C-alpha atoms as a PDB file:
ATOM      1  CA  MET A   1     -66.691 -51.557  70.150  1.00  0.00           C
ATOM      2  CA  ALA A   2     -69.224 -52.793  67.615  1.00  0.00           C
ATOM      3  CA  ASP A   3     -68.390 -52.810  63.921  1.00  0.00           C
ATOM      4  CA  GLN A   4     -69.777 -49.590  62.420  1.00  0.00           C
ATOM      5  CA  THR A   5     -69.716 -50.870  58.840  1.00  0.00           C
ATOM      6  CA  SER A   6     -73.140 -51.748  57.470  1.00  0.00           C
ATOM      7  CA  THR A   7     -73.787 -55.315  56.359  1.00  0.00           C
ATOM      8  CA  SER A   8     -74.308 -54.210  52.744  1.00  0.00           C
ATOM      9  CA  GLU A   9     -70.952 -52.387  52.729  1.00  0.00           C
ATOM     10  CA  ARG A  10     -69.116 -55.351  54.283  1.00  0.00           C
ATOM     11  CA  ARG A  11     -70.595 -57.753  51.754  1.00  0.00           C
ATOM     12  CA  LYS A  12     -69.882 -55.541  48.748  1.00  0.00           C
ATOM     13  CA  GLY A  13     -66.437 -57.070  48.082  1.00  0.00           C
ATOM     14  CA  GLU A  14     -67.367 -60.631  48.987  1.00  0.00           C
ATOM     15  CA  PRO A  15     -68.359 -61.912  45.520  1.00  0.00           C
ATOM     16  CA  THR A  16     -65.026 -60.683  44.157  1.00  0.00           C
ATOM     17  CA  GLU A  17     -63.071 -62.373  46.959  1.00  0.00           C
ATOM     18  CA  ILE A  18     -65.125 -65.570  46.691  1.00  0.00           C
ATOM     19  CA  ALA A  19     -64.544 -65.606  42.914  1.00  0.00           C
ATOM     20  CA  ARG A  20     -60.795 -65.167  43.478  1.00  0.00           C
ATOM     21  CA  LEU A  21     -60.742 -68.075  45.952  1.00  0.00           C
ATOM     22  CA  ASN A  22     -62.837 -70.246  43.603  1.00  0.00           C
ATOM     23  CA  ASP A  23     -60.480 -69.481  40.719  1.00  0.00           C
ATOM     24  CA  TRP A  24     -57.533 -70.393  42.968  1.00  0.00           C
ATOM     25  CA  LEU A  25     -59.113 -73.773  43.717  1.00  0.00           C
ATOM     26  CA  ARG A  26     -59.650 -74.510  40.041  1.00  0.00           C
ATOM     27  CA  GLN A  27     -56.096 -73.404  39.166  1.00  0.00           C
ATOM     28  CA  HIS A  28     -54.767 -75.716  41.908  1.00  0.00           C
ATOM     29  CA  ILE A  29     -57.225 -78.531  41.235  1.00  0.00           C
ATOM     30  CA  THR A  30     -54.538 -81.223  41.580  1.00  0.00           C
ATOM     31  CA  ALA A  31     -53.237 -79.765  44.860  1.00  0.00           C
ATOM     32  CA  PRO A  32     -56.254 -78.091  46.476  1.00  0.00           C
ATOM     33  CA  GLY A  33     -54.773 -77.546  49.925  1.00  0.00           C
ATOM     34  CA  ASN A  34     -57.496 -77.832  52.585  1.00  0.00           C
ATOM     35  CA  ASN A  35     -60.187 -77.893  49.909  1.00  0.00           C
ATOM     36  CA  ARG A  36     -61.609 -80.981  48.204  1.00  0.00           C
ATOM     37  CA  VAL A  37     -62.208 -82.068  44.606  1.00  0.00           C
ATOM     38  CA  VAL A  38     -64.625 -84.922  43.963  1.00  0.00           C
ATOM     39  CA  MET A  39     -66.313 -86.504  40.989  1.00  0.00           C
ATOM     40  CA  THR A  40     -69.552 -88.427  40.810  1.00  0.00           C
ATOM     41  CA  CYS A  41     -69.903 -92.042  39.723  1.00  0.00           C
ATOM     42  CA  GLY A  42     -71.303 -90.813  36.405  1.00  0.00           C
ATOM     43  CA  ILE A  43     -68.108 -88.869  35.677  1.00  0.00           C
ATOM     44  CA  ALA A  44     -65.992 -91.856  36.699  1.00  0.00           C
ATOM     45  CA  GLU A  45     -67.945 -93.951  34.182  1.00  0.00           C
ATOM     46  CA  LEU A  46     -67.111 -91.430  31.432  1.00  0.00           C
ATOM     47  CA  ILE A  47     -63.420 -91.690  32.296  1.00  0.00           C
ATOM     48  CA  GLY A  48     -63.548 -95.472  32.328  1.00  0.00           C
ATOM     49  CA  ASP A  49     -61.023 -97.523  34.229  1.00  0.00           C
ATOM     50  CA  VAL A  50     -59.554 -95.183  36.843  1.00  0.00           C
ATOM     51  CA  SER A  51     -56.975 -97.619  38.173  1.00  0.00           C
ATOM     52  CA  LEU A  52     -53.336 -96.627  38.002  1.00  0.00           C
ATOM     53  CA  LEU A  53     -52.564 -95.003  34.627  1.00  0.00           C
ATOM     54  CA  ARG A  54     -55.680 -96.356  32.921  1.00  0.00           C
ATOM     55  CA  GLY A  55     -58.012 -93.565  31.924  1.00  0.00           C
ATOM     56  CA  PHE A  56     -55.178 -91.124  32.651  1.00  0.00           C
ATOM     57  CA  ARG A  57     -55.628 -89.108  29.441  1.00  0.00           C
ATOM     58  CA  LYS A  58     -59.367 -88.713  29.957  1.00  0.00           C
ATOM     59  CA  ARG A  59     -58.862 -87.744  33.604  1.00  0.00           C
ATOM     60  CA  ALA A  60     -56.202 -85.187  32.603  1.00  0.00           C
ATOM     61  CA  GLU A  61     -58.528 -83.775  29.919  1.00  0.00           C
ATOM     62  CA  LEU A  62     -61.347 -83.453  32.463  1.00  0.00           C
ATOM     63  CA  ILE A  63     -59.091 -81.652  34.953  1.00  0.00           C
ATOM     64  CA  ARG A  64     -57.829 -79.252  32.265  1.00  0.00           C
ATOM     65  CA  THR A  65     -61.405 -78.513  31.192  1.00  0.00           C
ATOM     66  CA  VAL A  66     -62.447 -77.534  34.719  1.00  0.00           C
ATOM     67  CA  ARG A  67     -59.178 -75.709  35.459  1.00  0.00           C
ATOM     68  CA  ASP A  68     -59.312 -73.623  32.277  1.00  0.00           C
ATOM     69  CA  TYR A  69     -63.056 -72.929  32.273  1.00  0.00           C
ATOM     70  CA  ASP A  70     -63.762 -69.271  31.426  1.00  0.00           C
ATOM     71  CA  ARG A  71     -67.240 -69.173  29.862  1.00  0.00           C
ATOM     72  CA  PHE A  72     -68.916 -67.375  32.751  1.00  0.00           C
ATOM     73  CA  ASP A  73     -72.080 -65.468  31.887  1.00  0.00           C
ATOM     74  CA  ASP A  74     -75.078 -64.197  33.845  1.00  0.00           C
ATOM     75  CA  ALA A  75     -76.945 -67.479  33.410  1.00  0.00           C
ATOM     76  CA  ILE A  76     -74.212 -69.652  34.937  1.00  0.00           C
ATOM     77  CA  ASN A  77     -72.671 -66.970  37.183  1.00  0.00           C
ATOM     78  CA  PRO A  78     -75.499 -64.731  38.459  1.00  0.00           C
ATOM     79  CA  HIS A  79     -73.738 -63.745  41.703  1.00  0.00           C
ATOM     80  CA  GLY A  80     -70.270 -63.200  40.214  1.00  0.00           C
ATOM     81  CA  GLU A  81     -68.651 -65.888  42.384  1.00  0.00           C
ATOM     82  CA  ARG A  82     -67.515 -68.155  39.513  1.00  0.00           C
ATOM     83  CA  ASP A  83     -68.664 -71.189  41.483  1.00  0.00           C
ATOM     84  CA  MET A  84     -70.185 -73.208  38.633  1.00  0.00           C
ATOM     85  CA  GLY A  85     -69.535 -74.132  35.042  1.00  0.00           C
ATOM     86  CA  ARG A  86     -71.200 -76.206  32.351  1.00  0.00           C
ATOM     87  CA  PHE A  87     -69.181 -78.084  29.738  1.00  0.00           C
ATOM     88  CA  GLU A  88     -69.225 -81.150  27.544  1.00  0.00           C
ATOM     89  CA  PHE A  89     -67.014 -84.153  28.249  1.00  0.00           C
ATOM     90  CA  GLU A  90     -67.018 -87.352  26.211  1.00  0.00           C
ATOM     91  CA  GLY A  91     -70.174 -86.147  24.440  1.00  0.00           C
ATOM     92  CA  THR A  92     -72.015 -85.674  27.731  1.00  0.00           C
ATOM     93  CA  ALA A  93     -73.262 -82.428  29.310  1.00  0.00           C
ATOM     94  CA  CYS A  94     -71.504 -81.880  32.645  1.00  0.00           C
ATOM     95  CA  TYR A  95     -71.228 -79.361  35.470  1.00  0.00           C
ATOM     96  CA  TRP A  96     -68.612 -78.463  37.993  1.00  0.00           C
ATOM     97  CA  LYS A  97     -69.850 -76.752  41.162  1.00  0.00           C
ATOM     98  CA  ILE A  98     -68.101 -75.322  44.212  1.00  0.00           C
ATOM     99  CA  ASP A  99     -69.901 -75.489  47.561  1.00  0.00           C
ATOM    100  CA  TYR A 100     -68.774 -73.888  50.821  1.00  0.00           C
ATOM    101  CA  TYR A 101     -68.554 -75.847  54.073  1.00  0.00           C
ATOM    102  CA  ASP A 102     -67.212 -75.233  57.542  1.00  0.00           C
ATOM    103  CA  LEU A 103     -63.764 -76.680  58.268  1.00  0.00           C
ATOM    104  CA  ASP A 104     -65.233 -79.945  59.640  1.00  0.00           C
ATOM    105  CA  LEU A 105     -67.441 -80.426  56.562  1.00  0.00           C
ATOM    106  CA  THR A 106     -70.442 -80.730  58.882  1.00  0.00           C
ATOM    107  CA  GLY A 107     -72.345 -77.626  57.779  1.00  0.00           C
ATOM    108  CA  GLY A 108     -72.320 -74.640  55.500  1.00  0.00           C
ATOM    109  CA  ALA A 109     -69.574 -72.040  55.773  1.00  0.00           C
ATOM    110  CA  GLU A 110     -70.456 -68.905  57.728  1.00  0.00           C
ATOM    111  CA  ASP A 111     -68.233 -66.749  55.525  1.00  0.00           C
ATOM    112  CA  PRO A 112     -67.178 -68.235  52.155  1.00  0.00           C
ATOM    113  CA  ALA A 113     -64.925 -65.201  51.614  1.00  0.00           C
ATOM    114  CA  ASP A 114     -62.765 -66.280  54.593  1.00  0.00           C
ATOM    115  CA  PRO A 115     -60.539 -69.237  53.657  1.00  0.00           C
ATOM    116  CA  SER A 116     -59.535 -69.747  57.307  1.00  0.00           C
ATOM    117  CA  LYS A 117     -63.170 -70.673  58.055  1.00  0.00           C
ATOM    118  CA  THR A 118     -64.166 -72.370  54.795  1.00  0.00           C
ATOM    119  CA  THR A 119     -63.488 -75.650  53.016  1.00  0.00           C
ATOM    120  CA  ARG A 120     -64.396 -75.491  49.352  1.00  0.00           C
ATOM    121  CA  VAL A 121     -65.662 -78.682  47.725  1.00  0.00           C
ATOM    122  CA  LEU A 122     -65.506 -78.756  43.935  1.00  0.00           C
ATOM    123  CA  THR A 123     -67.785 -81.468  42.559  1.00  0.00           C
ATOM    124  CA  ILE A 124     -67.646 -82.588  38.926  1.00  0.00           C
ATOM    125  CA  MET A 125     -70.883 -84.235  37.755  1.00  0.00           C
ATOM    126  CA  ARG A 126     -72.997 -85.062  34.755  1.00  0.00           C
ATOM    127  CA  VAL A 127     -76.001 -82.784  34.235  1.00  0.00           C
ATOM    128  CA  ASP A 128     -78.364 -85.742  34.615  1.00  0.00           C
ATOM    129  CA  GLU A 129     -76.967 -86.405  38.113  1.00  0.00           C
ATOM    130  CA  ARG A 130     -78.084 -83.053  39.509  1.00  0.00           C
END
């Protein structure tokens, strides 16, 4: 039997669920499960030497900044999914952004509200790298 729920009704709760899953990823940024966390070369340059224990404090500060981000407003969060943030790190304007891919990372996710079908990729970048 076909689903009798209209598309608009089904999608009504999705931004809330997507926001919850995005918050989970940020709260578990050091152990993201099947998700991924990456940084650009520009962010790595701000951290400096990223070899074992060098740059550790800066890397920890960066992770805390993204994990604890809570300055969501309509400009940065127009869809209510809490998938992007803007912050300053080492005197440089930066973004973090969550994108939604299929499990193989070969295309976009069909349903970002379904974690069994979605791999989230959180990218940390400088604004000038956009």
